[in-house]
Amino acid sequence: QHLDLSGIHHLIVTHSHQDHFYPEELAMRRPPYAHFSQLGILHIYGNDKVKEKLRSRVKIEEMSEYVEFNEVSPFQPFRAGKAVVTPLKARHDPKENCLIYLIELEGKCVLYGHDTGYFPEETWSYLKEKHLDTVILDCTYGPDSDGTYHMGLPNDIQVKERLLEEGMAGEGTLFIVTHFSHNGGMLHEELAALAERHGFKTTFDGAEFEI
């Protein structure tokens, strides 16, 4: 898709698991590996465990020209460029304060919802004040249910129904499933056909959606 990664200035991290945060790669932002420091600092946002992992793997004091870490907390909005971002509590690893994110930009409101099982009630309470234009949900288990560490399509349907019933989403809301794995036991086209019957779009690498 010809993505220019040097143009990314804000990186929002949900939790410290290595499939979501691999800080060694950040060392590639500085010379002699990269030569685009004139484009500015990469601002990273995450919880205390993300901060701890970053500082244990990268000499952050030597990277101040290239990256900046910002610790964030649930339900405390922050600004990332032009976007207002609110961390929300996820239901994932109980040993960590895992997060999902509400992103508000140019009059649109997007819920980025993985890795998580069925949302904690604190997160549902916060969302009651919002109307979501797009909802992106974890579908790690494909057609099967989980609801604790991750979700499958049955859990996604539960989330969608509650969002609609309680007015946090509406007829124009775009619902998307992503974060698939071998645990789902389906080929992509099989899962996409099943998800479509329940009103979900299914992502793939390079997918683009207009909201």
C-alpha atoms as a PDB file:
ATOM      1  CA  GLN A   1       0.000   0.000   0.000  1.00  0.00           C
ATOM      2  CA  HIS A   2       3.049   2.292  -0.198  1.00  0.00           C
ATOM      3  CA  LEU A   3       2.699   3.527   3.383  1.00  0.00           C
ATOM      4  CA  ASP A   4       5.267   6.135   4.382  1.00  0.00           C
ATOM      5  CA  LEU A   5       5.928   5.197   8.004  1.00  0.00           C
ATOM      6  CA  SER A   6       8.160   8.234   8.436  1.00  0.00           C
ATOM      7  CA  GLY A   7       4.990  10.330   8.241  1.00  0.00           C
ATOM      8  CA  ILE A   8       3.561   8.808  11.429  1.00  0.00           C
ATOM      9  CA  HIS A   9       3.898  11.185  14.387  1.00  0.00           C
ATOM     10  CA  HIS A  10       1.589   9.601  16.981  1.00  0.00           C
ATOM     11  CA  LEU A  11       1.616   5.979  18.151  1.00  0.00           C
ATOM     12  CA  ILE A  12      -1.174   4.819  20.491  1.00  0.00           C
ATOM     13  CA  VAL A  13      -0.389   1.547  22.296  1.00  0.00           C
ATOM     14  CA  THR A  14      -3.067  -0.600  23.937  1.00  0.00           C
ATOM     15  CA  HIS A  15      -0.826  -2.769  26.145  1.00  0.00           C
ATOM     16  CA  SER A  16       2.669  -4.195  26.462  1.00  0.00           C
ATOM     17  CA  HIS A  17       2.237  -7.663  24.892  1.00  0.00           C
ATOM     18  CA  GLN A  18       4.835  -8.137  22.173  1.00  0.00           C
ATOM     19  CA  ASP A  19       2.310  -8.612  19.366  1.00  0.00           C
ATOM     20  CA  HIS A  20       1.186  -5.039  20.060  1.00  0.00           C
ATOM     21  CA  PHE A  21       4.369  -3.359  21.238  1.00  0.00           C
ATOM     22  CA  TYR A  22       7.896  -4.341  20.233  1.00  0.00           C
ATOM     23  CA  PRO A  23      10.039  -1.387  21.330  1.00  0.00           C
ATOM     24  CA  GLU A  24      13.273  -2.645  19.764  1.00  0.00           C
ATOM     25  CA  GLU A  25      11.877  -1.500  16.430  1.00  0.00           C
ATOM     26  CA  LEU A  26      11.871   2.099  17.652  1.00  0.00           C
ATOM     27  CA  ALA A  27      15.672   2.094  17.619  1.00  0.00           C
ATOM     28  CA  MET A  28      15.355   2.009  13.830  1.00  0.00           C
ATOM     29  CA  ARG A  29      14.082   5.604  13.905  1.00  0.00           C
ATOM     30  CA  ARG A  30      17.547   7.043  14.461  1.00  0.00           C
ATOM     31  CA  PRO A  31      20.714   7.144  12.337  1.00  0.00           C
ATOM     32  CA  PRO A  32      22.359   5.198  10.869  1.00  0.00           C
ATOM     33  CA  TYR A  33      19.142   3.245  10.307  1.00  0.00           C
ATOM     34  CA  ALA A  34      16.897   6.170   9.425  1.00  0.00           C
ATOM     35  CA  HIS A  35      17.462   9.730   8.224  1.00  0.00           C
ATOM     36  CA  PHE A  36      14.216  11.592   8.717  1.00  0.00           C
ATOM     37  CA  SER A  37      14.660  13.336  12.059  1.00  0.00           C
ATOM     38  CA  GLN A  38      13.622  16.590  10.395  1.00  0.00           C
ATOM     39  CA  LEU A  39      10.056  15.233  10.329  1.00  0.00           C
ATOM     40  CA  GLY A  40       9.814  15.492  14.094  1.00  0.00           C
ATOM     41  CA  ILE A  41       9.421  13.302  17.135  1.00  0.00           C
ATOM     42  CA  LEU A  42       7.291  10.148  17.251  1.00  0.00           C
ATOM     43  CA  HIS A  43       4.930  10.639  20.213  1.00  0.00           C
ATOM     44  CA  ILE A  44       4.082   7.343  21.925  1.00  0.00           C
ATOM     45  CA  TYR A  45       1.113   6.939  24.281  1.00  0.00           C
ATOM     46  CA  GLY A  46       0.566   3.975  26.597  1.00  0.00           C
ATOM     47  CA  ASN A  47       0.174   2.676  30.136  1.00  0.00           C
ATOM     48  CA  ASP A  48       2.800   2.165  32.830  1.00  0.00           C
ATOM     49  CA  LYS A  49       3.720  -1.331  31.590  1.00  0.00           C
ATOM     50  CA  VAL A  50       4.356   0.017  28.097  1.00  0.00           C
ATOM     51  CA  LYS A  51       6.589   2.676  29.618  1.00  0.00           C
ATOM     52  CA  GLU A  52       8.454   0.064  31.671  1.00  0.00           C
ATOM     53  CA  LYS A  53       8.987  -2.186  28.661  1.00  0.00           C
ATOM     54  CA  LEU A  54      10.177   0.691  26.487  1.00  0.00           C
ATOM     55  CA  ARG A  55      12.754   1.812  29.045  1.00  0.00           C
ATOM     56  CA  SER A  56      14.006  -1.758  29.571  1.00  0.00           C
ATOM     57  CA  ARG A  57      14.580  -2.410  25.851  1.00  0.00           C
ATOM     58  CA  VAL A  58      15.617   0.958  24.410  1.00  0.00           C
ATOM     59  CA  LYS A  59      18.022   3.578  25.744  1.00  0.00           C
ATOM     60  CA  ILE A  60      15.308   6.173  25.707  1.00  0.00           C
ATOM     61  CA  GLU A  61      17.616   8.952  26.897  1.00  0.00           C
ATOM     62  CA  GLU A  62      19.568   8.497  23.651  1.00  0.00           C
ATOM     63  CA  MET A  63      16.351   8.646  21.616  1.00  0.00           C
ATOM     64  CA  SER A  64      14.938  11.978  22.787  1.00  0.00           C
ATOM     65  CA  GLU A  65      15.343  13.515  19.335  1.00  0.00           C
ATOM     66  CA  TYR A  66      13.305  10.729  17.777  1.00  0.00           C
ATOM     67  CA  VAL A  67      10.713   9.431  20.258  1.00  0.00           C
ATOM     68  CA  GLU A  68       8.809  10.768  23.265  1.00  0.00           C
ATOM     69  CA  PHE A  69       6.751   8.635  25.635  1.00  0.00           C
ATOM     70  CA  ASN A  70       3.553   9.884  27.268  1.00  0.00           C
ATOM     71  CA  GLU A  71       1.951   7.788  30.012  1.00  0.00           C
ATOM     72  CA  VAL A  72      -1.850   7.818  29.830  1.00  0.00           C
ATOM     73  CA  SER A  73      -4.612   6.712  32.210  1.00  0.00           C
ATOM     74  CA  PRO A  74      -8.169   5.415  31.720  1.00  0.00           C
ATOM     75  CA  PHE A  75     -10.847   8.055  31.123  1.00  0.00           C
ATOM     76  CA  GLN A  76      -8.289  10.884  30.961  1.00  0.00           C
ATOM     77  CA  PRO A  77      -8.471  12.427  27.450  1.00  0.00           C
ATOM     78  CA  PHE A  78      -5.328  13.692  25.752  1.00  0.00           C
ATOM     79  CA  ARG A  79      -4.554  15.370  22.465  1.00  0.00           C
ATOM     80  CA  ALA A  80      -2.571  13.577  19.759  1.00  0.00           C
ATOM     81  CA  GLY A  81      -2.088  16.054  16.954  1.00  0.00           C
ATOM     82  CA  LYS A  82      -5.577  17.170  15.914  1.00  0.00           C
ATOM     83  CA  ALA A  83      -7.279  14.186  17.565  1.00  0.00           C
ATOM     84  CA  VAL A  84      -8.702  13.990  21.073  1.00  0.00           C
ATOM     85  CA  VAL A  85      -8.039  10.493  22.401  1.00  0.00           C
ATOM     86  CA  THR A  86      -9.557   8.918  25.505  1.00  0.00           C
ATOM     87  CA  PRO A  87      -8.124   5.685  26.946  1.00  0.00           C
ATOM     88  CA  LEU A  88     -10.823   3.304  28.161  1.00  0.00           C
ATOM     89  CA  LYS A  89     -10.482   0.182  30.265  1.00  0.00           C
ATOM     90  CA  ALA A  90     -10.192  -3.104  28.376  1.00  0.00           C
ATOM     91  CA  ARG A  91     -10.959  -6.617  29.629  1.00  0.00           C
ATOM     92  CA  HIS A  92      -7.727  -8.408  28.806  1.00  0.00           C
ATOM     93  CA  ASP A  93      -4.649  -9.227  30.898  1.00  0.00           C
ATOM     94  CA  PRO A  94      -5.567  -8.787  34.596  1.00  0.00           C
ATOM     95  CA  LYS A  95      -1.905  -8.168  35.405  1.00  0.00           C
ATOM     96  CA  GLU A  96      -1.920  -4.986  33.340  1.00  0.00           C
ATOM     97  CA  ASN A  97      -4.088  -1.903  32.940  1.00  0.00           C
ATOM     98  CA  CYS A  98      -4.893  -2.702  29.304  1.00  0.00           C
ATOM     99  CA  LEU A  99      -6.614  -0.044  27.228  1.00  0.00           C
ATOM    100  CA  ILE A 100      -8.855   0.513  24.256  1.00  0.00           C
ATOM    101  CA  TYR A 101      -9.258   3.988  22.768  1.00  0.00           C
ATOM    102  CA  LEU A 102     -11.930   6.464  21.796  1.00  0.00           C
ATOM    103  CA  ILE A 103     -10.626   8.731  19.028  1.00  0.00           C
ATOM    104  CA  GLU A 104     -12.415  11.978  18.126  1.00  0.00           C
ATOM    105  CA  LEU A 105     -11.241  13.814  15.025  1.00  0.00           C
ATOM    106  CA  GLU A 106     -12.887  16.280  12.640  1.00  0.00           C
ATOM    107  CA  GLY A 107     -16.345  15.690  14.045  1.00  0.00           C
ATOM    108  CA  LYS A 108     -16.089  11.886  13.887  1.00  0.00           C
ATOM    109  CA  CYS A 109     -15.899   9.473  16.816  1.00  0.00           C
ATOM    110  CA  VAL A 110     -14.180   6.088  16.479  1.00  0.00           C
ATOM    111  CA  LEU A 111     -13.952   3.320  19.076  1.00  0.00           C
ATOM    112  CA  TYR A 112     -10.794   1.223  18.675  1.00  0.00           C
ATOM    113  CA  GLY A 113     -11.674  -1.879  20.648  1.00  0.00           C
ATOM    114  CA  HIS A 114      -9.049  -4.622  20.874  1.00  0.00           C
ATOM    115  CA  ASP A 115      -7.415  -6.555  22.610  1.00  0.00           C
ATOM    116  CA  THR A 116     -10.398  -6.892  24.898  1.00  0.00           C
ATOM    117  CA  GLY A 117     -13.248  -9.130  25.889  1.00  0.00           C
ATOM    118  CA  TYR A 118     -16.720  -7.740  26.599  1.00  0.00           C
ATOM    119  CA  PHE A 119     -16.110  -4.210  27.897  1.00  0.00           C
ATOM    120  CA  PRO A 120     -15.921  -3.499  31.639  1.00  0.00           C
ATOM    121  CA  GLU A 121     -18.947  -1.613  32.980  1.00  0.00           C
ATOM    122  CA  GLU A 122     -16.807   1.478  33.646  1.00  0.00           C
ATOM    123  CA  THR A 123     -16.118   1.673  29.930  1.00  0.00           C
ATOM    124  CA  TRP A 124     -19.781   1.197  29.054  1.00  0.00           C
ATOM    125  CA  SER A 125     -20.687   4.031  31.426  1.00  0.00           C
ATOM    126  CA  TYR A 126     -18.235   6.393  29.764  1.00  0.00           C
ATOM    127  CA  LEU A 127     -19.452   5.512  26.278  1.00  0.00           C
ATOM    128  CA  LYS A 128     -23.045   6.403  27.174  1.00  0.00           C
ATOM    129  CA  GLU A 129     -22.130  10.051  26.667  1.00  0.00           C
ATOM    130  CA  LYS A 130     -20.887   9.421  23.116  1.00  0.00           C
ATOM    131  CA  HIS A 131     -22.301   8.655  19.672  1.00  0.00           C
ATOM    132  CA  LEU A 132     -19.967   6.430  17.679  1.00  0.00           C
ATOM    133  CA  ASP A 133     -19.458   6.788  13.940  1.00  0.00           C
ATOM    134  CA  THR A 134     -17.213   3.706  13.713  1.00  0.00           C
ATOM    135  CA  VAL A 135     -16.688   0.741  16.040  1.00  0.00           C
ATOM    136  CA  ILE A 136     -13.656  -1.513  15.527  1.00  0.00           C
ATOM    137  CA  LEU A 137     -13.850  -4.751  17.529  1.00  0.00           C
ATOM    138  CA  ASP A 138     -11.626  -7.677  18.442  1.00  0.00           C
ATOM    139  CA  CYS A 139     -12.575 -10.928  16.674  1.00  0.00           C
ATOM    140  CA  THR A 140      -9.716 -13.201  17.703  1.00  0.00           C
ATOM    141  CA  TYR A 141     -11.917 -16.276  18.060  1.00  0.00           C
ATOM    142  CA  GLY A 142     -13.812 -15.890  14.797  1.00  0.00           C
ATOM    143  CA  PRO A 143     -17.165 -17.701  15.039  1.00  0.00           C
ATOM    144  CA  ASP A 144     -16.577 -18.782  18.646  1.00  0.00           C
ATOM    145  CA  SER A 145     -17.213 -16.904  21.881  1.00  0.00           C
ATOM    146  CA  ASP A 146     -14.705 -15.783  24.520  1.00  0.00           C
ATOM    147  CA  GLY A 147     -15.538 -12.464  26.167  1.00  0.00           C
ATOM    148  CA  THR A 148     -12.792 -12.457  28.791  1.00  0.00           C
ATOM    149  CA  TYR A 149      -9.385 -11.846  27.173  1.00  0.00           C
ATOM    150  CA  HIS A 150     -10.628 -11.455  23.594  1.00  0.00           C
ATOM    151  CA  MET A 151     -13.847 -11.685  21.630  1.00  0.00           C
ATOM    152  CA  GLY A 152     -15.339 -13.716  18.836  1.00  0.00           C
ATOM    153  CA  LEU A 153     -18.200 -12.771  16.560  1.00  0.00           C
ATOM    154  CA  PRO A 154     -20.900 -13.774  19.117  1.00  0.00           C
ATOM    155  CA  ASN A 155     -19.358 -11.299  21.586  1.00  0.00           C
ATOM    156  CA  ASP A 156     -19.073  -8.639  18.892  1.00  0.00           C
ATOM    157  CA  ILE A 157     -22.775  -9.047  18.182  1.00  0.00           C
ATOM    158  CA  GLN A 158     -23.516  -8.558  21.901  1.00  0.00           C
ATOM    159  CA  VAL A 159     -21.463  -5.362  21.942  1.00  0.00           C
ATOM    160  CA  LYS A 160     -23.137  -4.069  18.786  1.00  0.00           C
ATOM    161  CA  GLU A 161     -26.633  -4.777  20.102  1.00  0.00           C
ATOM    162  CA  ARG A 162     -25.951  -2.981  23.382  1.00  0.00           C
ATOM    163  CA  LEU A 163     -24.429   0.035  21.615  1.00  0.00           C
ATOM    164  CA  LEU A 164     -27.512   0.301  19.420  1.00  0.00           C
ATOM    165  CA  GLU A 165     -30.014  -0.317  22.220  1.00  0.00           C
ATOM    166  CA  GLU A 166     -28.476   2.310  24.480  1.00  0.00           C
ATOM    167  CA  GLY A 167     -28.072   4.934  21.745  1.00  0.00           C
ATOM    168  CA  MET A 168     -24.272   4.955  21.550  1.00  0.00           C
ATOM    169  CA  ALA A 169     -24.475   3.844  17.914  1.00  0.00           C
ATOM    170  CA  GLY A 170     -27.083   4.208  15.213  1.00  0.00           C
ATOM    171  CA  GLU A 171     -28.105   3.239  11.720  1.00  0.00           C
ATOM    172  CA  GLY A 172     -25.134   5.041  10.175  1.00  0.00           C
ATOM    173  CA  THR A 173     -22.499   3.536  12.482  1.00  0.00           C
ATOM    174  CA  LEU A 174     -19.870   1.443  10.705  1.00  0.00           C
ATOM    175  CA  PHE A 175     -19.028  -1.783  12.556  1.00  0.00           C
ATOM    176  CA  ILE A 176     -15.712  -3.465  11.750  1.00  0.00           C
ATOM    177  CA  VAL A 177     -14.132  -6.683  13.031  1.00  0.00           C
ATOM    178  CA  THR A 178     -10.388  -7.275  13.067  1.00  0.00           C
ATOM    179  CA  HIS A 179      -7.550  -8.864  15.099  1.00  0.00           C
ATOM    180  CA  PHE A 180      -8.043 -12.340  13.649  1.00  0.00           C
ATOM    181  CA  SER A 181      -5.931 -15.377  14.461  1.00  0.00           C
ATOM    182  CA  HIS A 182      -5.633 -19.095  13.814  1.00  0.00           C
ATOM    183  CA  ASN A 183      -7.812 -19.542  16.912  1.00  0.00           C
ATOM    184  CA  GLY A 184     -10.817 -18.560  14.786  1.00  0.00           C
ATOM    185  CA  GLY A 185     -10.455 -21.643  12.594  1.00  0.00           C
ATOM    186  CA  MET A 186     -11.849 -19.966   9.462  1.00  0.00           C
ATOM    187  CA  LEU A 187     -10.420 -18.650   6.219  1.00  0.00           C
ATOM    188  CA  HIS A 188     -10.781 -14.906   5.719  1.00  0.00           C
ATOM    189  CA  GLU A 189     -13.517 -15.173   3.111  1.00  0.00           C
ATOM    190  CA  GLU A 190     -15.505 -17.526   5.363  1.00  0.00           C
ATOM    191  CA  LEU A 191     -15.316 -15.150   8.307  1.00  0.00           C
ATOM    192  CA  ALA A 192     -16.111 -12.133   6.109  1.00  0.00           C
ATOM    193  CA  ALA A 193     -19.269 -13.810   4.798  1.00  0.00           C
ATOM    194  CA  LEU A 194     -20.410 -14.721   8.320  1.00  0.00           C
ATOM    195  CA  ALA A 195     -19.638 -11.251   9.716  1.00  0.00           C
ATOM    196  CA  GLU A 196     -21.458  -9.528   6.852  1.00  0.00           C
ATOM    197  CA  ARG A 197     -24.680 -11.354   7.756  1.00  0.00           C
ATOM    198  CA  HIS A 198     -24.518  -9.594  11.114  1.00  0.00           C
ATOM    199  CA  GLY A 199     -23.690  -6.163   9.720  1.00  0.00           C
ATOM    200  CA  PHE A 200     -19.909  -6.157  10.186  1.00  0.00           C
ATOM    201  CA  LYS A 201     -17.190  -5.236   7.713  1.00  0.00           C
ATOM    202  CA  THR A 202     -14.101  -7.455   7.866  1.00  0.00           C
ATOM    203  CA  THR A 203     -10.612  -5.965   7.618  1.00  0.00           C
ATOM    204  CA  PHE A 204      -7.615  -7.142   5.667  1.00  0.00           C
ATOM    205  CA  ASP A 205      -4.116  -5.710   5.268  1.00  0.00           C
ATOM    206  CA  GLY A 206      -4.436  -2.398   3.447  1.00  0.00           C
ATOM    207  CA  ALA A 207      -8.200  -2.083   3.918  1.00  0.00           C
ATOM    208  CA  GLU A 208      -9.624   1.442   3.849  1.00  0.00           C
ATOM    209  CA  PHE A 209     -13.044   2.529   5.122  1.00  0.00           C
ATOM    210  CA  GLU A 210     -14.713   5.914   4.674  1.00  0.00           C
ATOM    211  CA  ILE A 211     -16.730   7.306   7.572  1.00  0.00           C
END
